N, C-alpha and C. Protein backbone atom coordinates (compact mmCIF):
# COMPACT_ATOMS: atom_id res chain seq x y z
N MET A 1 -28.88 -54.11 -12.38
CA MET A 1 -27.48 -54.51 -12.08
C MET A 1 -26.61 -53.12 -13.11
N LEU A 2 -27.24 -52.89 -14.68
CA LEU A 2 -27.24 -52.00 -14.98
C LEU A 2 -26.29 -50.39 -14.24
N ARG A 3 -27.41 -50.41 -13.54
CA ARG A 3 -27.10 -49.23 -13.05
C ARG A 3 -26.42 -49.06 -12.07
N GLN A 4 -26.01 -50.25 -11.07
CA GLN A 4 -25.08 -50.77 -10.31
C GLN A 4 -23.44 -50.68 -10.90
N LEU A 5 -23.31 -51.08 -12.33
CA LEU A 5 -22.55 -50.83 -12.79
C LEU A 5 -22.14 -49.57 -13.17
N PHE A 6 -23.19 -48.76 -13.98
CA PHE A 6 -22.91 -47.23 -14.19
C PHE A 6 -22.28 -46.97 -13.15
N VAL A 7 -23.00 -46.62 -12.15
CA VAL A 7 -22.29 -45.85 -10.94
C VAL A 7 -20.93 -46.45 -10.56
N PHE A 8 -20.79 -47.68 -10.28
CA PHE A 8 -18.69 -48.49 -10.02
C PHE A 8 -17.95 -47.53 -10.96
N VAL A 9 -18.76 -47.26 -12.45
CA VAL A 9 -17.11 -47.38 -13.42
C VAL A 9 -17.47 -45.40 -13.27
N PHE A 10 -18.39 -44.91 -13.10
CA PHE A 10 -18.69 -43.71 -12.61
C PHE A 10 -17.57 -43.25 -11.44
N ALA A 11 -18.04 -44.05 -10.69
CA ALA A 11 -17.42 -43.71 -8.90
C ALA A 11 -15.77 -43.86 -9.18
N LEU A 12 -15.17 -44.96 -10.30
CA LEU A 12 -13.66 -45.11 -10.77
C LEU A 12 -13.17 -43.94 -11.15
N PHE A 13 -14.16 -43.91 -11.84
CA PHE A 13 -13.42 -42.06 -13.24
C PHE A 13 -13.39 -40.54 -12.61
N ALA A 14 -14.29 -41.13 -11.42
CA ALA A 14 -14.25 -39.55 -10.45
C ALA A 14 -13.19 -39.44 -9.54
N LEU A 15 -12.72 -40.92 -8.93
CA LEU A 15 -11.65 -40.84 -8.63
C LEU A 15 -10.39 -40.80 -8.90
N ASN A 16 -10.20 -41.68 -10.18
CA ASN A 16 -9.08 -41.34 -10.90
C ASN A 16 -8.73 -39.57 -11.35
N ALA A 17 -10.13 -39.24 -11.63
CA ALA A 17 -9.97 -37.75 -12.31
C ALA A 17 -9.31 -36.70 -10.96
N THR A 18 -9.44 -37.27 -9.76
CA THR A 18 -9.37 -36.31 -8.73
C THR A 18 -8.14 -36.87 -7.82
N ALA A 19 -7.66 -38.01 -8.11
CA ALA A 19 -6.72 -38.37 -7.35
C ALA A 19 -5.15 -37.63 -7.21
N ASN A 20 -4.94 -36.45 -8.17
CA ASN A 20 -3.50 -35.78 -7.92
C ASN A 20 -3.68 -34.86 -8.24
N THR A 21 -4.71 -33.96 -8.01
CA THR A 21 -5.23 -32.05 -8.21
C THR A 21 -3.71 -31.32 -7.52
N ILE A 22 -3.57 -31.91 -6.41
CA ILE A 22 -2.32 -30.93 -5.46
C ILE A 22 -0.99 -30.95 -6.42
N PRO A 23 -0.19 -29.82 -6.85
CA PRO A 23 0.86 -30.26 -7.58
C PRO A 23 1.78 -30.61 -6.77
N GLU A 24 2.64 -31.28 -6.93
CA GLU A 24 4.14 -31.34 -5.71
C GLU A 24 5.20 -30.10 -6.49
N VAL A 25 5.01 -29.22 -5.61
CA VAL A 25 6.19 -27.93 -5.43
C VAL A 25 6.54 -27.71 -4.06
N ASP A 26 7.90 -28.18 -4.20
CA ASP A 26 8.66 -27.72 -2.97
C ASP A 26 8.69 -25.95 -2.78
N THR A 27 7.49 -25.56 -1.99
CA THR A 27 7.80 -24.12 -1.40
C THR A 27 8.79 -23.66 -0.98
N LEU A 28 9.16 -24.35 0.15
CA LEU A 28 10.24 -24.22 1.26
C LEU A 28 11.39 -24.16 0.51
N ASP A 29 11.67 -24.90 -0.34
CA ASP A 29 13.06 -24.02 -1.48
C ASP A 29 12.86 -22.81 -2.47
N ASN A 30 11.43 -22.76 -2.65
CA ASN A 30 11.34 -21.36 -3.28
C ASN A 30 11.69 -20.55 -2.33
N TYR A 31 10.76 -20.48 -0.93
CA TYR A 31 11.00 -19.76 -0.34
C TYR A 31 12.78 -19.18 0.63
N ILE A 32 13.24 -20.29 0.89
CA ILE A 32 14.37 -20.23 0.72
C ILE A 32 15.42 -19.62 -0.16
N THR A 33 15.09 -19.80 -1.35
CA THR A 33 15.93 -19.08 -2.54
C THR A 33 15.60 -17.47 -2.23
N LEU A 34 14.43 -17.02 -2.04
CA LEU A 34 13.58 -15.98 -2.09
C LEU A 34 14.36 -14.91 -1.08
N GLU A 35 14.90 -15.77 -0.43
CA GLU A 35 14.93 -14.84 1.63
C GLU A 35 16.62 -14.99 0.73
N ILE A 36 17.25 -15.52 0.39
CA ILE A 36 18.74 -15.76 -0.09
C ILE A 36 18.63 -14.72 -0.72
N GLU A 37 17.89 -14.39 -2.23
CA GLU A 37 18.65 -13.29 -3.15
C GLU A 37 18.29 -12.01 -2.09
N LYS A 38 16.63 -11.97 -1.49
CA LYS A 38 16.78 -11.06 -0.55
C LYS A 38 17.92 -10.49 0.04
N ALA A 39 18.07 -11.19 0.98
CA ALA A 39 19.62 -10.78 1.88
C ALA A 39 20.64 -10.65 0.90
N GLU A 40 20.86 -11.10 -0.06
CA GLU A 40 22.15 -10.72 -1.10
C GLU A 40 22.11 -8.88 -1.80
N LEU A 41 20.40 -9.00 -2.28
CA LEU A 41 20.11 -7.64 -2.74
C LEU A 41 20.61 -6.35 -1.20
N GLU A 42 20.02 -6.66 -0.46
CA GLU A 42 20.34 -5.70 0.91
C GLU A 42 21.64 -5.38 1.17
N ASN A 43 22.28 -6.63 1.09
CA ASN A 43 23.74 -6.95 1.93
C ASN A 43 24.52 -5.34 0.46
N GLU A 44 24.05 -5.50 -0.68
CA GLU A 44 24.44 -5.40 -1.64
C GLU A 44 23.91 -3.63 -1.73
N LEU A 45 23.14 -3.24 -1.20
CA LEU A 45 22.26 -1.84 -1.31
C LEU A 45 22.79 -1.23 -0.16
N PHE A 46 22.44 -2.14 0.90
CA PHE A 46 22.72 -0.99 2.41
C PHE A 46 24.19 -2.09 3.23
N GLY A 47 24.97 -2.82 2.70
CA GLY A 47 26.08 -3.49 3.38
C GLY A 47 27.32 -2.76 3.43
N THR A 48 28.08 -3.28 3.80
CA THR A 48 29.37 -2.50 3.95
C THR A 48 29.88 -3.18 3.09
N LEU A 49 31.35 -2.59 2.68
CA LEU A 49 32.38 -3.20 1.53
C LEU A 49 33.60 -4.13 2.34
N ALA A 50 33.50 -4.72 1.89
CA ALA A 50 34.79 -6.02 2.18
C ALA A 50 36.07 -5.11 3.41
N ASN A 51 36.03 -3.61 2.86
CA ASN A 51 37.28 -3.42 3.87
C ASN A 51 36.90 -2.96 4.87
N GLY A 52 35.66 -2.80 5.24
CA GLY A 52 34.91 -1.88 6.37
C GLY A 52 34.47 -0.44 5.95
N GLU A 53 34.75 -0.08 5.07
CA GLU A 53 34.34 1.19 4.77
C GLU A 53 32.82 1.41 4.22
N GLU A 54 32.44 2.50 4.75
CA GLU A 54 31.01 2.83 3.77
C GLU A 54 30.43 3.29 2.75
N ILE A 55 29.45 3.09 2.21
CA ILE A 55 29.77 4.01 0.92
C ILE A 55 28.78 5.05 0.60
N SER A 56 29.67 6.04 0.42
CA SER A 56 28.93 7.43 0.44
C SER A 56 27.44 8.00 -0.47
N ILE A 57 26.88 8.41 -0.37
CA ILE A 57 25.20 8.66 -1.24
C ILE A 57 26.21 9.60 -2.31
N ALA A 58 27.77 10.05 -2.43
CA ALA A 58 27.39 11.18 -3.39
C ALA A 58 27.98 10.20 -4.71
N SER A 59 28.35 8.61 -4.05
CA SER A 59 28.75 7.64 -5.20
C SER A 59 27.71 6.80 -5.63
N VAL A 60 26.51 7.21 -5.36
CA VAL A 60 25.46 6.23 -5.97
C VAL A 60 24.87 6.84 -6.88
N GLU A 61 24.86 6.16 -8.00
CA GLU A 61 24.32 7.00 -9.47
C GLU A 61 22.76 6.69 -9.62
N VAL A 62 22.24 7.87 -10.19
CA VAL A 62 20.78 7.15 -9.81
C VAL A 62 20.20 7.50 -10.93
N TYR A 63 19.78 6.47 -11.86
CA TYR A 63 19.46 6.49 -13.77
C TYR A 63 17.70 6.86 -13.41
N LYS A 64 17.32 7.38 -14.22
CA LYS A 64 15.63 8.15 -14.25
C LYS A 64 15.61 7.40 -15.91
N LEU A 65 14.50 6.62 -16.13
CA LEU A 65 13.64 6.04 -16.38
C LEU A 65 12.72 7.14 -17.23
N GLU A 66 12.70 7.23 -18.57
CA GLU A 66 11.33 7.96 -19.12
C GLU A 66 10.76 6.74 -19.92
N GLU A 67 9.67 7.09 -19.96
CA GLU A 67 9.01 5.91 -20.82
C GLU A 67 8.12 6.48 -21.61
N GLU A 68 8.26 6.51 -22.69
CA GLU A 68 7.09 7.28 -23.94
C GLU A 68 5.12 6.47 -23.15
N ILE A 69 4.99 7.47 -23.49
CA ILE A 69 3.15 7.30 -22.97
C ILE A 69 2.63 7.33 -24.29
N THR A 70 1.88 6.36 -24.91
CA THR A 70 1.38 6.82 -26.60
C THR A 70 -0.18 6.35 -26.18
N ILE A 71 -0.99 7.66 -26.35
CA ILE A 71 -2.33 8.46 -25.90
C ILE A 71 -2.93 7.72 -27.18
N GLY A 72 -2.89 7.79 -28.35
CA GLY A 72 -3.73 6.98 -29.28
C GLY A 72 -3.98 8.01 -30.44
N PHE A 73 -4.03 9.60 -29.75
CA PHE A 73 -4.57 10.87 -30.46
C PHE A 73 -3.07 12.09 -30.06
N ASP A 74 -3.69 12.81 -30.84
CA ASP A 74 -3.06 14.13 -30.73
C ASP A 74 -3.69 14.57 -29.64
N THR A 75 -2.82 14.93 -28.26
CA THR A 75 -3.00 16.04 -27.48
C THR A 75 -3.96 17.61 -28.07
N LYS A 76 -2.93 17.73 -28.78
CA LYS A 76 -2.99 19.49 -29.05
C LYS A 76 -4.06 19.77 -29.40
N ALA A 77 -4.90 18.42 -30.61
CA ALA A 77 -6.22 19.45 -30.94
C ALA A 77 -7.23 19.61 -29.87
N TYR A 78 -7.11 18.95 -28.67
CA TYR A 78 -7.93 19.53 -27.37
C TYR A 78 -7.41 20.48 -27.12
N LEU A 79 -6.07 21.12 -27.32
CA LEU A 79 -6.04 22.32 -25.97
C LEU A 79 -6.10 23.56 -27.04
N PRO A 80 -6.26 24.47 -25.93
CA PRO A 80 -6.63 25.93 -26.72
C PRO A 80 -5.45 26.32 -27.55
N GLU A 81 -5.18 27.11 -28.13
CA GLU A 81 -3.77 27.76 -28.87
C GLU A 81 -2.91 28.48 -28.26
N ASN A 82 -1.80 28.42 -28.39
CA ASN A 82 -0.41 28.89 -26.94
C ASN A 82 -0.91 28.18 -26.00
N PHE A 83 -0.99 27.25 -25.91
CA PHE A 83 -1.48 26.65 -24.29
C PHE A 83 0.02 26.48 -23.74
N ASP A 84 0.25 26.92 -22.51
CA ASP A 84 1.66 26.07 -21.67
C ASP A 84 0.98 25.97 -20.33
N ALA A 85 1.07 24.53 -20.12
CA ALA A 85 0.57 24.42 -18.80
C ALA A 85 1.15 24.92 -17.74
N ARG A 86 2.73 25.46 -18.17
CA ARG A 86 3.65 26.28 -17.04
C ARG A 86 3.32 27.57 -16.56
N THR A 87 2.63 28.02 -17.47
CA THR A 87 2.56 29.61 -17.11
C THR A 87 1.82 29.68 -15.81
N GLY A 88 2.50 31.22 -15.43
CA GLY A 88 1.72 31.19 -13.92
C GLY A 88 2.06 30.65 -12.90
N MET A 89 2.76 29.48 -12.93
CA MET A 89 3.45 28.74 -11.37
C MET A 89 4.21 29.67 -11.26
N GLY A 90 4.78 30.65 -11.17
CA GLY A 90 5.70 31.07 -10.53
C GLY A 90 5.36 32.36 -9.45
N TYR A 91 4.11 32.35 -10.21
CA TYR A 91 3.29 33.84 -9.66
C TYR A 91 2.17 33.51 -8.24
N ILE A 92 2.02 32.21 -7.63
CA ILE A 92 0.85 32.12 -6.88
C ILE A 92 1.67 32.63 -5.48
N ASP A 93 0.82 33.32 -4.90
CA ASP A 93 0.89 33.81 -3.27
C ASP A 93 0.40 33.24 -2.73
N TRP A 94 1.45 32.38 -1.97
CA TRP A 94 0.31 31.01 -1.23
C TRP A 94 0.00 31.93 -0.24
N ASN A 95 0.19 32.78 0.58
CA ASN A 95 -0.51 33.84 1.64
C ASN A 95 -1.78 34.30 1.46
N THR A 96 -2.18 34.50 -0.27
CA THR A 96 -3.49 35.06 -0.22
C THR A 96 -4.62 34.19 -0.40
N ILE A 97 -4.26 32.88 -0.71
CA ILE A 97 -4.97 31.27 -0.23
C ILE A 97 -5.55 31.22 1.19
N GLU A 98 -6.66 30.96 0.93
CA GLU A 98 -7.28 30.49 2.85
C GLU A 98 -7.68 29.25 2.51
N LEU A 99 -7.49 28.88 3.57
CA LEU A 99 -7.63 27.12 3.92
C LEU A 99 -9.15 27.20 4.76
N PHE A 100 -9.79 26.44 4.30
CA PHE A 100 -11.22 26.36 5.07
C PHE A 100 -11.53 24.51 5.58
N GLU A 101 -11.50 24.51 6.68
CA GLU A 101 -11.30 23.58 7.07
C GLU A 101 -13.16 22.46 7.56
N VAL A 102 -13.32 21.54 6.80
CA VAL A 102 -14.61 21.74 6.93
C VAL A 102 -15.44 20.64 7.71
N GLU A 103 -15.79 20.67 8.97
CA GLU A 103 -16.19 19.81 10.73
C GLU A 103 -17.26 19.12 9.59
N GLU A 104 -17.06 17.66 9.67
CA GLU A 104 -18.13 17.24 9.76
C GLU A 104 -18.88 16.74 10.95
N GLU A 105 -20.21 16.52 11.66
CA GLU A 105 -20.40 15.69 12.30
C GLU A 105 -20.63 14.17 11.76
N LEU A 106 -20.90 13.49 12.91
CA LEU A 106 -20.57 11.90 13.01
C LEU A 106 -21.41 11.35 13.62
N ASP A 107 -22.22 11.22 13.11
CA ASP A 107 -23.18 10.12 14.00
C ASP A 107 -23.45 8.53 13.99
N LEU A 108 -23.42 8.18 14.51
CA LEU A 108 -23.10 6.64 14.67
C LEU A 108 -24.02 5.92 15.37
N GLY A 109 -25.22 6.93 15.35
CA GLY A 109 -26.70 6.06 15.15
C GLY A 109 -27.50 5.26 17.25
N PHE A 110 -25.92 5.89 17.95
CA PHE A 110 -26.29 5.56 19.02
C PHE A 110 -25.26 6.33 20.62
N ASP A 111 -25.87 6.39 21.34
CA ASP A 111 -24.89 7.17 22.12
C ASP A 111 -24.13 6.49 22.51
N THR A 112 -22.61 6.85 22.73
CA THR A 112 -21.50 6.63 23.43
C THR A 112 -21.36 6.42 24.78
N LYS A 113 -22.15 7.34 25.54
CA LYS A 113 -21.42 7.15 26.73
C LYS A 113 -22.61 6.12 26.98
N ASP A 114 -23.16 5.55 27.00
CA ASP A 114 -24.03 3.80 27.36
C ASP A 114 -23.00 2.85 27.42
N TYR A 115 -22.07 2.86 26.64
CA TYR A 115 -20.58 1.96 26.34
C TYR A 115 -19.73 2.28 27.26
N LEU A 116 -19.50 3.22 28.24
CA LEU A 116 -18.17 3.60 28.57
C LEU A 116 -18.89 3.54 30.09
N PRO A 117 -17.17 3.66 31.08
CA PRO A 117 -17.97 3.13 32.41
C PRO A 117 -18.63 4.37 33.24
N LYS A 118 -19.00 4.23 34.13
CA LYS A 118 -19.59 5.74 34.87
C LYS A 118 -18.54 6.47 35.37
N ASN A 119 -18.54 8.02 35.20
CA ASN A 119 -17.47 9.13 35.45
C ASN A 119 -16.32 8.99 34.89
N PHE A 120 -16.33 8.14 33.27
CA PHE A 120 -15.25 7.81 32.50
C PHE A 120 -14.90 9.24 32.04
N ASN A 121 -13.23 9.23 32.06
CA ASN A 121 -12.44 10.66 31.71
C ASN A 121 -11.56 10.08 31.00
N PRO A 122 -11.75 11.04 29.57
CA PRO A 122 -9.69 9.87 28.80
C PRO A 122 -8.35 10.70 29.40
N TYR A 123 -9.05 11.47 29.73
CA TYR A 123 -7.62 12.39 30.47
C TYR A 123 -7.15 12.40 31.55
N ARG A 124 -8.23 11.40 32.42
CA ARG A 124 -7.28 10.94 33.96
C ARG A 124 -6.07 10.05 33.87
N GLY A 125 -5.10 10.83 34.27
CA GLY A 125 -3.81 9.99 34.28
C GLY A 125 -2.50 10.51 33.57
N LEU A 126 -3.27 11.63 32.30
CA LEU A 126 -2.12 12.07 31.89
C LEU A 126 -1.47 13.06 32.37
N ASP A 127 -0.49 13.11 32.67
CA ASP A 127 0.69 14.31 33.01
C ASP A 127 0.95 15.28 31.87
N CYS A 128 0.64 16.34 32.43
CA CYS A 128 0.55 17.52 31.50
C CYS A 128 0.90 18.88 32.42
N GLU A 129 2.20 19.06 31.72
CA GLU A 129 2.06 20.56 32.70
C GLU A 129 1.53 21.67 32.40
N ALA A 130 1.09 21.70 31.48
CA ALA A 130 0.04 23.21 31.33
C ALA A 130 -1.22 22.53 31.83
N SER A 131 -2.27 23.78 31.67
CA SER A 131 -3.80 23.24 32.15
C SER A 131 -4.31 23.35 31.06
N VAL A 132 -3.58 23.18 29.91
CA VAL A 132 -4.45 23.21 28.47
C VAL A 132 -4.66 21.70 28.06
N VAL A 133 -5.92 21.45 27.99
CA VAL A 133 -6.30 20.35 27.20
C VAL A 133 -6.79 20.31 25.90
N ILE A 134 -5.92 19.60 25.12
CA ILE A 134 -5.98 19.73 23.26
C ILE A 134 -6.77 18.46 22.99
N SER A 135 -7.59 18.56 22.52
CA SER A 135 -8.86 17.79 21.75
C SER A 135 -9.09 17.35 20.61
N PHE A 136 -9.24 16.71 19.85
CA PHE A 136 -8.97 16.43 18.41
C PHE A 136 -10.81 16.33 18.14
N ASN A 137 -10.85 17.03 16.93
CA ASN A 137 -12.51 16.49 16.64
C ASN A 137 -12.90 16.01 15.23
N TYR A 138 -12.88 14.86 15.54
CA TYR A 138 -12.92 14.06 14.14
C TYR A 138 -14.02 14.10 13.43
């Protein structure tokens, strides 16, 4: 009898503890408010003026916000003497720099031809005036 009473009291406690776990928030009102604010902001930024004239790009003011970054130590202690990060920036000859494309061979672990229809041609049906077919190797 004591055991049944204990289970009954525990069940009542458990039901009361989980009865109202879903908060009553009206997400529709929040969504509508956000959409109205978004529409008003878009209208201010990209809309037209009341008399129908458009905003010129020259009349838009741009503010550059500069935030101070605090590292917590003096960076000059870790750099060589008379260090200038901009030295030599204008002296780069981009024509002397060689670019190399590294081709990587892709191994999927299976033969892709087994999963394509017979006589499959990915270029069939392409209208091309030139007789050159361009393929991209990935």
